[in-house]
C-alpha cells in the first residue's frame, strides 16, 4: 500500500505507515492492505467513526499491531501470530507472539494473555481490538502467510520430526521459559567437524554410550519403549560433564552456559516442563549434588518412564505433562543412591566408571572444544537415516525385531538385568545404526563391552538386601534392647523392647516387633512393605502357614506374646552374629 500524504488535520508524525508493513513487519507481502475505515500509523491503530458532520478517529492500539501469520498444528488446531512495534527502548523493534485463534477472537483474554509481552492495547478497547484483527485478516486473505506449527521438538503427531526451530517449522512452546531452551537446539559448524571431535572418544566406552543414548532417544517412539535414565557418576575431574556435552551436541548447543544444558538445582514442576519440550530428543541434567532435596531425584526417576508428569487436582495448568526422552544425568554420587525404591533400579542404567579414565584429560579437552564449535547436526542426520529405514516396506517391524534380538542377548541371569535389557538394546541399536550409516566415525562397542557396563548384577540392584543391611547394623548396635539377648538388667529399655532373641539348640533367631522394624527402615528411607517380599524370597524370615500373614510369628518375651518378624540365622552372615 502506498503512503498517503498527510492531510491538513494529520500531523506529519502520524503519517499513515502502510509502507512500514514491509520494513517493520517484513514477513507481510507486497499488497498488504489496511481495511476500510481503519488507519495504521506510528501512533497506533485507529477506527474512523462519524460524529455529526465530521469523522473522528478512535485509537484502540497504541502502536502498529497486525496479524503476520496463521498456523495449524498437527492436531488441526489453528493459531495466529500477532506482531507489533515496541519503542520502549528507543529504536523500534518488532515483538511477535502466537496465540490460538480462539484467544484472538476474545479481546479481553487476548489482553490478559499478551499484556505482559507488551501488547499495545487495554482491556477497555477489547471489542475494537477483536474487530480489527478480524477485519485485517479478511482484507488480506490469501496474503497472510500460513505455516505449520509445532509445540515441541521431536516426533509430531503426523509422523514428522522437528529437531530445531531452524527446521522451517514454527515452534511455539507451551511455556515461555522454554523459548530459549528451544532456540538452543540450533546448529553451528559442520557435521564433519562434529565427527572429527567425537572420533577421539573411540577408546572411552562411557562417553560413547552417552552419545549412543542421545541418538537412541529418537528410537523410543518407533520401538515403543518408555523414557528412561542413563546416569554417569564418578569422582570429579573425570570428564562427566564433557561426556554429557558430547551427547547433547548431537542436538543442541552443549555449552554449560547454554539453556539446553540443565542441572538438578530446580523443582519437580520445572523439570516436568523441561521434559515436556521433547518427544524423541535427549534431555541433560548435570550434577546431582546440586539438588536441594534428595527426594526430587527419587520422584523424577520414578515418574520419567511413565512418559508424563504428575496428575494435579482441579484441572490445574501443567497437569500430566507428556514427554518422550532419555534423561542423561551425572554426579559424583550415583542417582540410585538418592532413592531406596527397589523399582527405581529397573528404570535406570548407571555406570560408575570414570568417563575418560585416569589419563584421558587431553582427549576430553579436545572433544569438548570440538563439540562446542560443531553441534546440532548429528541428531537430525540420524533421524533422516532412521526415517529412511522406517519408510521401507516392513521397516518398523524389522527395526523392532532387531531390537528384540539385541534385548535377548542382554537379559543376563536375574530379573533386574532382564528388565533393563530393552533399554540397553536401544542404546546398542542406536550405535549400530549410526555406525552403519557412517554417522559415527568408529566401530561399534563389542557385546562384551556392553555386557560389562550394564548386563551384570550390581549390589545396588537388590534393595531388600540393602534394607537388610540397615537392620543388621541396627541390631548390632542395639542388642541390649532384645529380650533374652546380651547379659543385662531385665528391666525394659526406655523405648520398650525391640524384640527378642529365640534360641533353639544351635539355632538363634531374632524376632523384631513390626512397628519398631518399620521405624528403623523408614528412618533409613526404606519401606518395610516394599522389601518384605524380597526377604521372604531370600529365606530370611520364618514362615508359618497357620498365621495371617504367615511371616508374622507369635513370640513370647517379658511375659507377653506379640507377633514379630522372626529372622532366621540365614539373615545374619557368620561374621555378623546378631547377639
Protein backbone atom coordinates (compact mmCIF):
# COMPACT_ATOMS: atom_id res chain seq x y z
CA UNK A 1 0.00 0.00 0.00
CA UNK A 2 1.39 3.39 -0.94
CA UNK A 3 1.69 6.00 1.78
CA UNK A 4 -0.97 8.71 1.75
CA UNK A 5 0.23 12.32 2.01
CA UNK A 6 -0.54 13.99 5.33
CA UNK A 7 -3.88 15.79 5.41
CA UNK A 8 -4.40 19.17 6.98
CA UNK A 9 -5.69 17.58 10.18
CA UNK A 10 -2.98 14.93 10.34
CA UNK A 11 0.39 15.74 11.87
CA UNK A 12 3.46 14.52 9.95
CA UNK A 13 4.45 12.14 12.77
CA UNK A 14 1.07 10.43 12.30
CA UNK A 15 1.66 9.78 8.61
CA UNK A 16 0.00 6.52 7.55
CA UNK A 17 2.69 3.86 7.72
CA UNK A 18 1.34 1.35 5.27
CA UNK A 19 4.78 1.42 3.68
CA UNK A 20 6.22 0.26 7.03
CA UNK A 21 4.43 -3.06 6.69
CA UNK A 22 7.41 -4.09 4.59
CA UNK A 23 10.18 -2.58 6.69
CA UNK A 24 8.82 -3.25 10.18
CA UNK A 25 6.70 -6.36 9.56
CA UNK A 26 8.95 -7.92 6.95
CA UNK A 27 7.02 -11.19 6.73
CA UNK A 28 3.98 -9.45 5.20
CA UNK A 29 3.99 -9.49 1.37
CA UNK A 30 3.59 -6.61 -1.04
CA UNK A 31 -0.01 -5.56 -1.43
CA UNK A 32 -0.97 -5.88 2.20
CA UNK A 33 -3.99 -3.65 2.76
CA UNK A 34 -5.38 -1.60 5.59
CA UNK A 35 -9.12 -2.40 5.93
CA UNK A 36 -11.55 0.34 5.01
CA UNK A 37 -12.37 2.58 7.93
CA UNK A 38 -9.09 1.94 9.74
CA UNK A 39 -5.82 3.83 9.91
CA UNK A 40 -2.43 2.45 10.94
CA UNK A 41 0.27 4.98 11.75
CA UNK A 42 3.21 5.42 14.05
CA UNK A 43 0.85 6.27 16.87
CA UNK A 44 -1.10 3.02 16.61
CA UNK A 45 -4.31 1.71 15.04
CA UNK A 46 -7.47 3.85 14.84
CA UNK A 47 -11.07 3.34 13.74
CA UNK A 48 -12.99 6.08 11.89
CA UNK A 49 -16.35 6.93 13.38
CA UNK A 50 -18.90 9.55 12.41
CA UNK A 51 -19.57 12.33 14.91
CA UNK A 52 -22.17 14.60 13.41
CA UNK A 53 -20.81 16.19 10.24
CA UNK A 54 -17.21 15.17 10.98
CA UNK A 55 -15.35 11.88 11.21
CA UNK A 56 -13.46 11.08 14.40
CA UNK A 57 -10.53 8.68 14.61
CA UNK A 58 -10.78 6.48 17.72
CA UNK A 59 -7.45 4.93 18.65
CA UNK A 60 -7.61 1.47 20.28
CA UNK A 61 -4.00 0.24 19.80
CA UNK A 62 -1.10 2.43 20.83
CA UNK A 63 1.44 1.04 18.35
CA UNK A 64 1.17 -0.61 14.92
CA UNK A 65 -0.43 -4.03 15.52
CA UNK A 66 -1.19 -6.56 12.76
CA UNK A 67 -1.60 -10.28 12.10
CA UNK A 68 1.59 -11.50 10.43
CA UNK A 69 0.95 -15.26 10.04
CA UNK A 70 -1.56 -18.04 10.60
CA UNK A 71 -0.71 -21.58 11.67
CA UNK A 72 -2.19 -25.03 12.00
CA UNK A 73 -0.68 -27.66 14.28
CA UNK A 74 -0.70 -31.41 13.50
CA UNK A 75 -3.91 -31.82 15.56
CA UNK A 76 -5.74 -29.36 13.31
CA UNK A 77 -5.85 -26.54 15.88
CA UNK A 78 -5.43 -23.06 14.40
CA UNK A 79 -3.23 -20.24 15.71
CA UNK A 80 -2.29 -16.73 14.62
CA UNK A 81 0.84 -14.65 15.04
CA UNK A 82 0.34 -11.07 16.18
CA UNK A 83 3.14 -8.54 15.75
CA UNK A 84 3.52 -5.00 16.99
CA UNK A 85 6.22 -2.36 17.27
CA UNK A 86 7.73 -1.58 20.61
CA UNK A 87 9.62 1.68 21.15
CA UNK A 88 10.22 1.25 24.90
CA UNK A 89 13.98 1.00 24.31
CA UNK A 90 14.23 3.82 21.82
CA UNK A 91 14.75 2.16 18.47
CA UNK A 92 11.58 0.43 17.17
CA UNK A 93 11.62 -3.35 17.35
CA UNK A 94 9.05 -5.94 16.36
CA UNK A 95 7.51 -8.16 19.04
CA UNK A 96 5.68 -11.27 17.83
CA UNK A 97 3.57 -13.75 19.81
CA UNK A 98 1.48 -16.73 18.77
CA UNK A 99 -1.96 -17.31 20.29
CA UNK A 100 -4.83 -19.62 19.48
CA UNK A 101 -7.41 -18.29 17.07
CA UNK A 102 -9.95 -18.63 19.87
CA UNK A 103 -7.92 -16.25 22.05
CA UNK A 104 -7.54 -13.76 19.19
CA UNK A 105 -11.33 -13.58 18.97
CA UNK A 106 -11.66 -12.69 22.63
CA UNK A 107 -10.18 -9.28 23.20
CA UNK A 108 -10.20 -9.34 27.00
CA UNK A 109 -8.47 -12.71 27.11
CA UNK A 110 -6.01 -11.56 24.46
CA UNK A 111 -5.03 -8.51 26.52
CA UNK A 112 -4.61 -10.66 29.63
CA UNK A 113 -2.55 -13.20 27.73
CA UNK A 114 -0.20 -10.79 25.95
CA UNK A 115 -0.23 -7.78 28.24
CA UNK A 116 2.96 -8.93 29.90
CA UNK A 117 4.64 -9.15 26.48
CA UNK A 118 3.82 -5.50 25.79
CA UNK A 119 0.64 -5.78 23.69
CA UNK A 120 -0.18 -2.12 22.95
CA UNK A 121 -3.86 -2.28 23.93
CA UNK A 122 -6.03 -2.05 27.04
CA UNK A 123 -8.92 -4.20 28.14
CA UNK A 124 -11.42 -1.38 27.68
CA UNK A 125 -10.80 -1.44 23.92
CA UNK A 126 -11.02 -5.23 23.65
CA UNK A 127 -14.05 -5.26 21.33
CA UNK A 128 -12.41 -2.85 18.92
CA UNK A 129 -9.26 -4.98 19.05
CA UNK A 130 -11.18 -8.17 18.21
CA UNK A 131 -12.85 -6.46 15.26
CA UNK A 132 -9.60 -5.01 13.91
CA UNK A 133 -7.87 -8.38 13.78
CA UNK A 134 -10.85 -9.98 12.04
CA UNK A 135 -11.11 -7.15 9.51
CA UNK A 136 -7.36 -7.15 8.85
CA UNK A 137 -7.33 -10.88 8.15
CA UNK A 138 -10.41 -10.64 5.93
CA UNK A 139 -8.91 -7.77 3.91
CA UNK A 140 -5.69 -9.71 3.38
CA UNK A 141 -6.98 -13.24 2.94
CA UNK A 142 -4.57 -15.24 0.85
CA UNK A 143 -1.74 -12.81 1.55
CA UNK A 144 -1.02 -13.50 5.21
CA UNK A 145 1.46 -16.43 5.30
CA UNK A 146 0.05 -19.75 6.51
CA UNK A 147 2.53 -22.19 8.06
CA UNK A 148 2.65 -25.45 10.04
CA UNK A 149 3.17 -25.16 13.81
CA UNK A 150 4.85 -27.37 16.42
CA UNK A 151 4.55 -27.05 20.20
CA UNK A 152 7.52 -29.26 21.00
CA UNK A 153 10.69 -30.66 19.44
CA UNK A 154 10.93 -34.20 18.10
CA UNK A 155 8.26 -36.54 16.74
CA UNK A 156 5.00 -34.83 15.77
CA UNK A 157 1.53 -36.45 15.59
CA UNK A 158 1.66 -36.52 11.79
CA UNK A 159 4.91 -38.53 11.80
CA UNK A 160 7.22 -35.64 11.01
CA UNK A 161 10.23 -34.77 13.17
CA UNK A 162 11.21 -31.24 14.21
CA UNK A 163 14.75 -31.21 15.57
CA UNK A 164 15.18 -27.46 15.78
CA UNK A 165 13.34 -24.16 15.32
CA UNK A 166 15.68 -23.80 12.33
CA UNK A 167 13.97 -26.69 10.51
CA UNK A 168 11.47 -24.44 8.75
CA UNK A 169 8.57 -25.27 11.08
CA UNK A 170 7.50 -22.59 13.54
CA UNK A 171 7.96 -23.82 17.12
CA UNK A 172 5.67 -22.19 19.69
CA UNK A 173 6.46 -23.76 23.06
CA UNK A 174 3.80 -24.18 25.73
CA UNK A 175 5.82 -22.36 28.40
CA UNK A 176 7.57 -19.05 27.81
CA UNK A 177 10.63 -20.07 29.84
CA UNK A 178 11.32 -22.81 27.29
CA UNK A 179 11.72 -20.40 24.37
CA UNK A 180 15.46 -20.03 24.92
CA UNK A 181 15.84 -23.78 25.52
CA UNK A 182 14.19 -24.45 22.17
CA UNK A 183 16.44 -21.89 20.46
CA UNK A 184 19.48 -23.66 21.93
CA UNK A 185 18.55 -26.63 19.75
CA UNK A 186 20.18 -24.95 16.80
CA UNK A 187 23.21 -25.68 14.65
CA UNK A 188 26.78 -24.47 14.46
CA UNK A 189 29.81 -25.62 12.49
CA UNK A 190 29.51 -28.75 10.37
CA UNK A 191 28.69 -32.42 10.69
CA UNK A 192 32.23 -33.27 9.58
CA UNK A 193 33.62 -31.04 12.34
CA UNK A 194 31.44 -32.86 14.89
CA UNK A 195 32.59 -36.24 13.61
CA UNK A 196 36.22 -35.19 13.93
CA UNK A 197 35.54 -34.11 17.52
CA UNK A 198 33.87 -37.34 18.65
CA UNK A 199 36.36 -39.58 16.85
CA UNK A 200 38.63 -39.09 19.86
CA UNK A 201 36.01 -40.86 22.02
CA UNK A 202 36.78 -44.24 20.45
CA UNK A 203 38.92 -45.60 23.35
CA UNK A 204 36.40 -44.45 26.01
CA UNK A 205 33.19 -46.55 26.32
CA UNK A 206 31.32 -44.26 28.74
CA UNK A 207 31.16 -41.08 26.60
CA UNK A 208 30.42 -43.28 23.61
CA UNK A 209 27.46 -44.78 25.48
CA UNK A 210 26.27 -41.23 26.26
CA UNK A 211 26.38 -40.35 22.55
CA UNK A 212 24.52 -43.56 21.72
CA UNK A 213 21.87 -42.68 24.32
CA UNK A 214 21.49 -39.23 22.77
CA UNK A 215 20.74 -40.74 19.38
CA UNK A 216 18.64 -43.54 20.88
CA UNK A 217 16.10 -41.01 22.19
CA UNK A 218 14.60 -40.88 18.70
CA UNK A 219 14.17 -44.70 18.74
CA UNK A 220 11.83 -44.71 21.75
CA UNK A 221 8.76 -43.91 19.67
CA UNK A 222 9.13 -46.50 16.87
CA UNK A 223 10.33 -49.16 19.35
CA UNK A 224 7.51 -48.34 21.81
CA UNK A 225 9.91 -48.01 24.76
CA UNK A 226 9.23 -45.76 27.72
CA UNK A 227 11.58 -42.96 28.69
CA UNK A 228 14.48 -43.88 30.97
CA UNK A 229 17.62 -42.50 32.59
CA UNK A 230 21.32 -43.01 31.88
CA UNK A 231 23.35 -41.96 34.92
CA UNK A 232 27.10 -41.32 34.74
CA UNK A 233 28.68 -40.96 38.18
CA UNK A 234 32.31 -40.83 39.28
CA UNK A 235 34.75 -38.63 41.14
CA UNK A 236 35.15 -35.05 39.96
CA UNK A 237 37.53 -34.10 37.12
CA UNK A 238 36.95 -37.41 35.35
CA UNK A 239 35.05 -35.94 32.39
CA UNK A 240 31.41 -36.49 33.38
CA UNK A 241 30.22 -33.12 32.13
CA UNK A 242 32.27 -33.45 28.94
CA UNK A 243 30.61 -36.81 28.25
CA UNK A 244 27.19 -35.18 28.58
CA UNK A 245 28.27 -32.30 26.36
CA UNK A 246 29.37 -34.70 23.63
CA UNK A 247 25.97 -36.38 23.83
CA UNK A 248 23.93 -33.17 23.86
CA UNK A 249 25.93 -31.75 20.94
CA UNK A 250 24.14 -34.16 18.60
CA UNK A 251 21.06 -31.94 19.00
CA UNK A 252 21.90 -28.65 20.68
CA UNK A 253 24.45 -26.17 21.94
CA UNK A 254 26.31 -28.12 24.68
CA UNK A 255 27.93 -25.13 26.36
CA UNK A 256 27.47 -25.04 30.14
CA UNK A 257 26.01 -21.54 29.61
CA UNK A 258 23.50 -22.90 27.08
CA UNK A 259 19.84 -23.18 28.09
CA UNK A 260 19.85 -26.75 26.76
CA UNK A 261 22.31 -27.80 29.50
CA UNK A 262 20.22 -28.09 32.67
CA UNK A 263 21.15 -29.07 36.22
CA UNK A 264 19.43 -30.62 39.20
CA UNK A 265 19.12 -27.40 41.20
CA UNK A 266 15.46 -26.88 40.33
CA UNK A 267 11.93 -28.03 41.18
CA UNK A 268 9.85 -31.00 40.08
CA UNK A 269 7.40 -28.84 38.14
CA UNK A 270 10.25 -27.07 36.35
CA UNK A 271 11.74 -30.45 35.41
CA UNK A 272 8.39 -31.65 34.09
CA UNK A 273 8.08 -28.52 31.94
CA UNK A 274 11.63 -29.02 30.65
CA UNK A 275 10.92 -32.65 29.75
CA UNK A 276 7.68 -31.55 28.07
CA UNK A 277 9.72 -29.79 25.37
CA UNK A 278 10.88 -33.02 23.70
CA UNK A 279 9.50 -36.18 22.08
CA UNK A 280 12.49 -38.15 20.88
CA UNK A 281 15.36 -35.83 21.81
CA UNK A 282 17.73 -36.29 24.72
CA UNK A 283 17.49 -34.22 27.93
CA UNK A 284 20.52 -33.43 30.11
CA UNK A 285 20.62 -32.75 33.86
CA UNK A 286 24.13 -32.29 35.17
CA UNK A 287 25.43 -32.64 38.74
CA UNK A 288 23.10 -34.50 41.11
CA UNK A 289 24.97 -32.97 44.07
CA UNK A 290 23.37 -29.60 43.22
CA UNK A 291 19.91 -30.90 44.16
CA UNK A 292 18.36 -29.17 47.16
CA UNK A 293 16.10 -32.08 48.12
CA UNK A 294 17.16 -35.69 47.58
CA UNK A 295 13.53 -36.76 47.14
CA UNK A 296 13.40 -34.75 43.90
CA UNK A 297 15.70 -37.20 42.12
CA UNK A 298 13.72 -40.11 43.55
CA UNK A 299 10.49 -38.62 42.13
CA UNK A 300 11.99 -37.93 38.70
CA UNK A 301 13.44 -41.43 38.38
CA UNK A 302 10.02 -42.83 39.29
CA UNK A 303 7.98 -40.53 37.04
CA UNK A 304 10.18 -40.43 33.94
CA UNK A 305 9.24 -43.88 32.49
CA UNK A 306 5.54 -43.00 32.76
CA UNK A 307 6.09 -40.51 29.92
CA UNK A 308 4.03 -37.87 31.70
CA UNK A 309 4.18 -35.68 34.79
CA UNK A 310 2.19 -35.78 38.00
CA UNK A 311 -1.58 -35.52 37.99
CA UNK A 312 -2.55 -32.22 39.57
CA UNK A 313 -6.01 -31.80 41.00
CA UNK A 314 -8.66 -29.36 39.86
CA UNK A 315 -7.61 -29.41 36.22
CA UNK A 316 -4.54 -27.36 37.09
CA UNK A 317 -2.39 -25.99 34.28
CA UNK A 318 0.53 -28.36 33.83
CA UNK A 319 -1.45 -31.49 34.64
CA UNK A 320 0.22 -34.74 33.46
CA UNK A 321 2.62 -33.06 31.03
CA UNK A 322 3.74 -35.58 28.35
CA UNK A 323 7.27 -36.26 27.13
CA UNK A 324 9.43 -38.90 25.45
CA UNK A 325 13.13 -38.73 26.17
CA UNK A 326 16.26 -40.33 27.53
CA UNK A 327 17.48 -38.37 30.53
CA UNK A 328 21.25 -38.10 30.85
CA UNK A 329 22.35 -37.39 34.41
CA UNK A 330 25.74 -37.04 36.06
CA UNK A 331 27.19 -36.52 39.50
CA UNK A 332 29.81 -37.64 41.99
CA UNK A 333 27.10 -39.69 43.66
CA UNK A 334 25.05 -42.28 41.71
CA UNK A 335 21.46 -41.24 41.07
CA UNK A 336 20.28 -44.54 42.58
CA UNK A 337 21.80 -43.54 45.92
CA UNK A 338 19.08 -40.87 46.16
CA UNK A 339 16.32 -43.47 46.20
CA UNK A 340 15.56 -46.56 48.26
CA UNK A 341 12.86 -47.83 45.92
CA UNK A 342 13.55 -51.28 44.52
CA UNK A 343 11.68 -50.39 41.33
CA UNK A 344 13.94 -47.42 40.60
CA UNK A 345 16.87 -49.69 39.78
CA UNK A 346 14.93 -51.15 36.86
CA UNK A 347 14.24 -47.69 35.42
CA UNK A 348 17.82 -46.51 35.18
CA UNK A 349 21.08 -47.51 33.52
CA UNK A 350 24.05 -46.40 35.55
CA UNK A 351 27.81 -46.60 35.37
CA UNK A 352 30.44 -45.51 37.88
CA UNK A 353 33.40 -45.88 35.53
CA UNK A 354 35.38 -42.64 35.01
CA UNK A 355 34.26 -41.45 31.55
CA UNK A 356 37.78 -40.65 30.36
CA UNK A 357 39.69 -42.90 32.76
CA UNK A 358 42.65 -41.62 34.75
CA UNK A 359 44.70 -40.33 31.81
CA UNK A 360 42.07 -39.15 29.34
CA UNK A 361 42.24 -35.46 30.18
CA UNK A 362 43.74 -34.30 26.83
CA UNK A 363 41.20 -36.36 24.89
CA UNK A 364 38.36 -34.87 26.94
CA UNK A 365 39.56 -31.32 26.32
CA UNK A 366 39.88 -31.90 22.57
CA UNK A 367 36.43 -33.49 22.34
CA UNK A 368 34.82 -30.69 24.34
CA UNK A 369 36.40 -27.97 22.24
CA UNK A 370 35.27 -29.72 19.08
CA UNK A 371 31.62 -30.17 20.06
CA UNK A 372 31.36 -26.60 21.34
CA UNK A 373 32.18 -25.45 17.82
CA UNK A 374 30.17 -28.09 15.94
CA UNK A 375 26.74 -29.12 17.20
CA UNK A 376 23.14 -29.75 16.16
CA UNK A 377 23.90 -31.84 13.07
CA UNK A 378 24.24 -35.48 14.13
CA UNK A 379 20.79 -35.92 15.71
CA UNK A 380 18.81 -34.69 12.68
CA UNK A 381 21.11 -36.72 10.39
CA UNK A 382 20.40 -39.83 12.46
CA UNK A 383 16.64 -39.23 12.24
CA UNK A 384 16.87 -38.78 8.45
CA UNK A 385 18.54 -42.18 8.16
CA UNK A 386 16.10 -43.72 10.66
CA UNK A 387 13.08 -42.46 8.72
CA UNK A 388 14.58 -43.98 5.60
CA UNK A 389 14.64 -47.35 7.36
CA UNK A 390 11.12 -46.95 8.72
CA UNK A 391 9.65 -45.89 5.36
CA UNK A 392 10.71 -49.12 3.66
CA UNK A 393 8.04 -51.85 3.48
CA UNK A 394 8.08 -53.66 6.82
CA UNK A 395 10.76 -51.28 8.07
CA UNK A 396 9.24 -50.70 11.51
CA UNK A 397 8.77 -54.45 12.10
CA UNK A 398 12.35 -55.19 11.10
CA UNK A 399 13.62 -52.47 13.44
CA UNK A 400 11.62 -53.88 16.36
CA UNK A 401 12.74 -57.42 15.63
CA UNK A 402 16.36 -56.33 15.58
CA UNK A 403 15.84 -54.61 18.92
CA UNK A 404 14.16 -57.72 20.37
CA UNK A 405 17.09 -59.91 19.37
CA UNK A 406 19.53 -57.50 20.99
CA UNK A 407 17.45 -57.36 24.15
CA UNK A 408 17.58 -61.17 24.42
CA UNK A 409 21.39 -61.00 24.40
CA UNK A 410 21.48 -58.61 27.37
CA UNK A 411 18.89 -60.15 29.69
CA UNK A 412 21.58 -61.50 32.00
CA UNK A 413 20.86 -64.03 34.74
CA UNK A 414 18.46 -62.15 37.02
CA UNK A 415 15.19 -60.27 36.89
CA UNK A 416 16.79 -56.84 37.25
CA UNK A 417 19.10 -57.16 34.23
CA UNK A 418 16.19 -58.66 32.33
CA UNK A 419 14.07 -55.57 32.95
CA UNK A 420 16.93 -53.33 31.84
CA UNK A 421 17.66 -55.31 28.68
CA UNK A 422 15.29 -53.35 26.36
CA UNK A 423 16.94 -50.08 27.42
CA UNK A 424 20.45 -51.44 26.85
CA UNK A 425 19.34 -52.85 23.49
CA UNK A 426 18.03 -49.41 22.43
CA UNK A 427 21.45 -47.87 23.06
CA UNK A 428 23.22 -50.70 21.26
CA UNK A 429 20.87 -50.45 18.28
CA UNK A 430 21.33 -46.68 18.05
CA UNK A 431 25.10 -47.01 17.93
CA UNK A 432 24.91 -49.83 15.36
CA UNK A 433 22.62 -47.80 13.07
CA UNK A 434 24.81 -44.70 13.43
CA UNK A 435 27.97 -46.69 12.65
CA UNK A 436 26.37 -48.48 9.70
CA UNK A 437 25.35 -45.14 8.21
CA UNK A 438 28.87 -43.82 8.89
CA UNK A 439 27.48 -41.09 11.06
CA UNK A 440 29.76 -42.21 13.91
CA UNK A 441 33.43 -42.34 12.91
CA UNK A 442 34.34 -45.51 14.81
CA UNK A 443 33.40 -49.18 15.12
CA UNK A 444 30.57 -50.17 17.48
CA UNK A 445 31.32 -51.29 21.04
CA UNK A 446 31.53 -55.05 21.37
CA UNK A 447 28.84 -57.13 23.01
CA UNK A 448 31.28 -57.90 25.83
CA UNK A 449 31.79 -54.19 26.50
CA UNK A 450 28.04 -53.61 26.74
CA UNK A 451 27.68 -56.66 28.98
CA UNK A 452 30.37 -55.34 31.28
CA UNK A 453 28.74 -51.92 31.51
CA UNK A 454 25.08 -52.81 32.01
CA UNK A 455 24.23 -56.51 31.91
CA UNK A 456 25.94 -57.63 35.13
CA UNK A 457 24.38 -57.70 38.56
CA UNK A 458 25.11 -54.79 40.88
CA UNK A 459 24.71 -54.89 44.67
CA UNK A 460 22.70 -51.67 44.49
CA UNK A 461 20.08 -53.52 42.42
CA UNK A 462 18.98 -55.51 45.47
CA UNK A 463 17.05 -53.08 47.66
CA UNK A 464 15.77 -55.79 50.07
CA UNK A 465 19.38 -56.76 50.78
CA UNK A 466 20.35 -53.13 51.32
CA UNK A 467 17.43 -52.74 53.72
CA UNK A 468 18.55 -55.92 55.48
CA UNK A 469 21.96 -54.36 55.98
CA UNK A 470 20.23 -51.50 57.80
CA UNK A 471 18.50 -53.99 60.10
CA UNK A 472 21.75 -55.87 60.77
CA UNK A 473 23.55 -52.66 61.68
CA UNK A 474 20.75 -51.54 63.99
CA UNK A 475 20.58 -54.88 65.82
CA UNK A 476 24.36 -54.91 66.24
CA UNK A 477 24.20 -51.51 67.95
CA UNK A 478 21.04 -52.16 69.99
CA UNK A 479 21.39 -55.79 71.07
CA UNK A 480 20.67 -54.78 74.66
CA UNK A 481 17.11 -53.87 73.57
CA UNK A 482 16.41 -57.53 72.70
CA UNK A 483 14.74 -59.67 75.37
CA UNK A 484 16.96 -62.67 76.08
CA UNK A 485 19.92 -61.10 74.27
CA UNK A 486 23.22 -59.97 75.76
CA UNK A 487 23.57 -60.29 79.61
CA UNK A 488 21.79 -57.29 81.06
CA UNK A 489 19.39 -55.97 83.63
CA UNK A 490 15.99 -57.34 82.60
CA UNK A 491 14.27 -54.03 83.10
CA UNK A 492 12.51 -52.83 79.97
CA UNK A 493 14.52 -50.26 77.94
CA UNK A 494 13.20 -46.71 77.92
CA UNK A 495 11.87 -47.07 74.38
CA UNK A 496 10.46 -50.52 75.07
CA UNK A 497 11.70 -53.84 73.76
CA UNK A 498 12.99 -54.01 70.21
CA UNK A 499 12.14 -57.68 70.08
CA UNK A 500 13.56 -60.93 71.40
CA UNK A 501 16.30 -63.48 70.82
CA UNK A 502 14.96 -67.02 70.39
CA UNK A 503 17.39 -69.90 70.84
CA UNK A 504 16.60 -73.48 69.84
CA UNK A 505 19.58 -75.83 70.06
CA UNK A 506 22.35 -74.26 67.96
CA UNK A 507 19.92 -72.04 66.06
CA UNK A 508 19.43 -68.41 67.03
CA UNK A 509 16.52 -66.41 65.68
CA UNK A 510 15.91 -62.70 66.14
CA UNK A 511 12.30 -61.50 66.42
CA UNK A 512 11.61 -57.80 65.83
CA UNK A 513 8.36 -56.01 66.65
CA UNK A 514 6.68 -54.76 63.43
CA UNK A 515 6.36 -51.09 64.35
CA UNK A 516 9.95 -50.89 65.57
CA UNK A 517 11.16 -52.52 62.35
CA UNK A 518 9.01 -50.20 60.25
CA UNK A 519 10.51 -47.18 62.03
CA UNK A 520 14.10 -48.40 61.63
CA UNK A 521 13.65 -48.79 57.88
CA UNK A 522 11.69 -45.57 57.48
CA UNK A 523 14.49 -43.59 59.14
CA UNK A 524 16.85 -45.02 56.52
CA UNK A 525 14.45 -44.24 53.67
CA UNK A 526 13.10 -47.76 53.07
CA UNK A 527 9.55 -49.05 53.07
CA UNK A 528 9.01 -52.27 55.02
CA UNK A 529 6.17 -53.31 52.73
CA UNK A 530 8.41 -52.85 49.69
CA UNK A 531 11.21 -55.15 50.93
CA UNK A 532 9.47 -57.86 52.95
CA UNK A 533 8.70 -59.86 49.81
CA UNK A 534 12.40 -59.89 48.92
CA UNK A 535 13.26 -61.10 52.43
CA UNK A 536 10.80 -63.97 52.08
CA UNK A 537 12.24 -64.92 48.68
CA UNK A 538 15.76 -64.89 50.20
CA UNK A 539 14.69 -67.20 53.03
CA UNK A 540 15.45 -64.65 55.76
CA UNK A 541 12.10 -64.87 57.58
CA UNK A 542 10.42 -67.68 59.49
CA UNK A 543 7.06 -68.52 57.93
CA UNK A 544 4.08 -70.29 59.46
CA UNK A 545 1.24 -71.34 57.21
CA UNK A 546 -1.28 -71.15 60.05
CA UNK A 547 -0.60 -67.42 60.53
CA UNK A 548 -2.06 -64.49 58.60
CA UNK A 549 0.18 -63.07 57.31
CA UNK A 550 2.45 -66.07 57.51
CA UNK A 551 5.61 -64.01 58.11
CA UNK A 552 4.34 -62.58 61.45
CA UNK A 553 5.14 -65.25 64.04
CA UNK A 554 3.86 -65.12 67.67
CA UNK A 555 6.78 -64.58 70.04
CA UNK A 556 6.83 -64.62 73.85
CA UNK A 557 9.03 -62.22 75.82
CA UNK A 558 8.80 -60.42 79.14
CA UNK A 559 5.66 -62.38 79.98
CA UNK A 560 3.77 -61.29 76.86
CA UNK A 561 3.13 -62.61 73.35
CA UNK A 562 3.33 -60.45 70.25
CA UNK A 563 3.52 -61.16 66.52
CA UNK A 564 7.01 -60.37 65.18
CA UNK A 565 9.16 -60.57 62.09
CA UNK A 566 11.40 -63.51 63.01
CA UNK A 567 14.73 -63.54 61.19
CA UNK A 568 16.40 -66.90 60.65
CA UNK A 569 20.17 -67.46 61.05
CA UNK A 570 20.48 -67.15 57.23
CA UNK A 571 19.73 -63.43 57.57
CA UNK A 572 22.96 -62.91 59.53
CA UNK A 573 26.31 -63.87 57.95
CA UNK A 574 28.67 -65.86 60.19
CA UNK A 575 30.88 -62.81 60.74
CA UNK A 576 27.91 -60.64 61.78
CA UNK A 577 26.14 -62.53 64.59
CA UNK A 578 23.08 -60.72 65.86
CA UNK A 579 23.97 -61.09 69.52
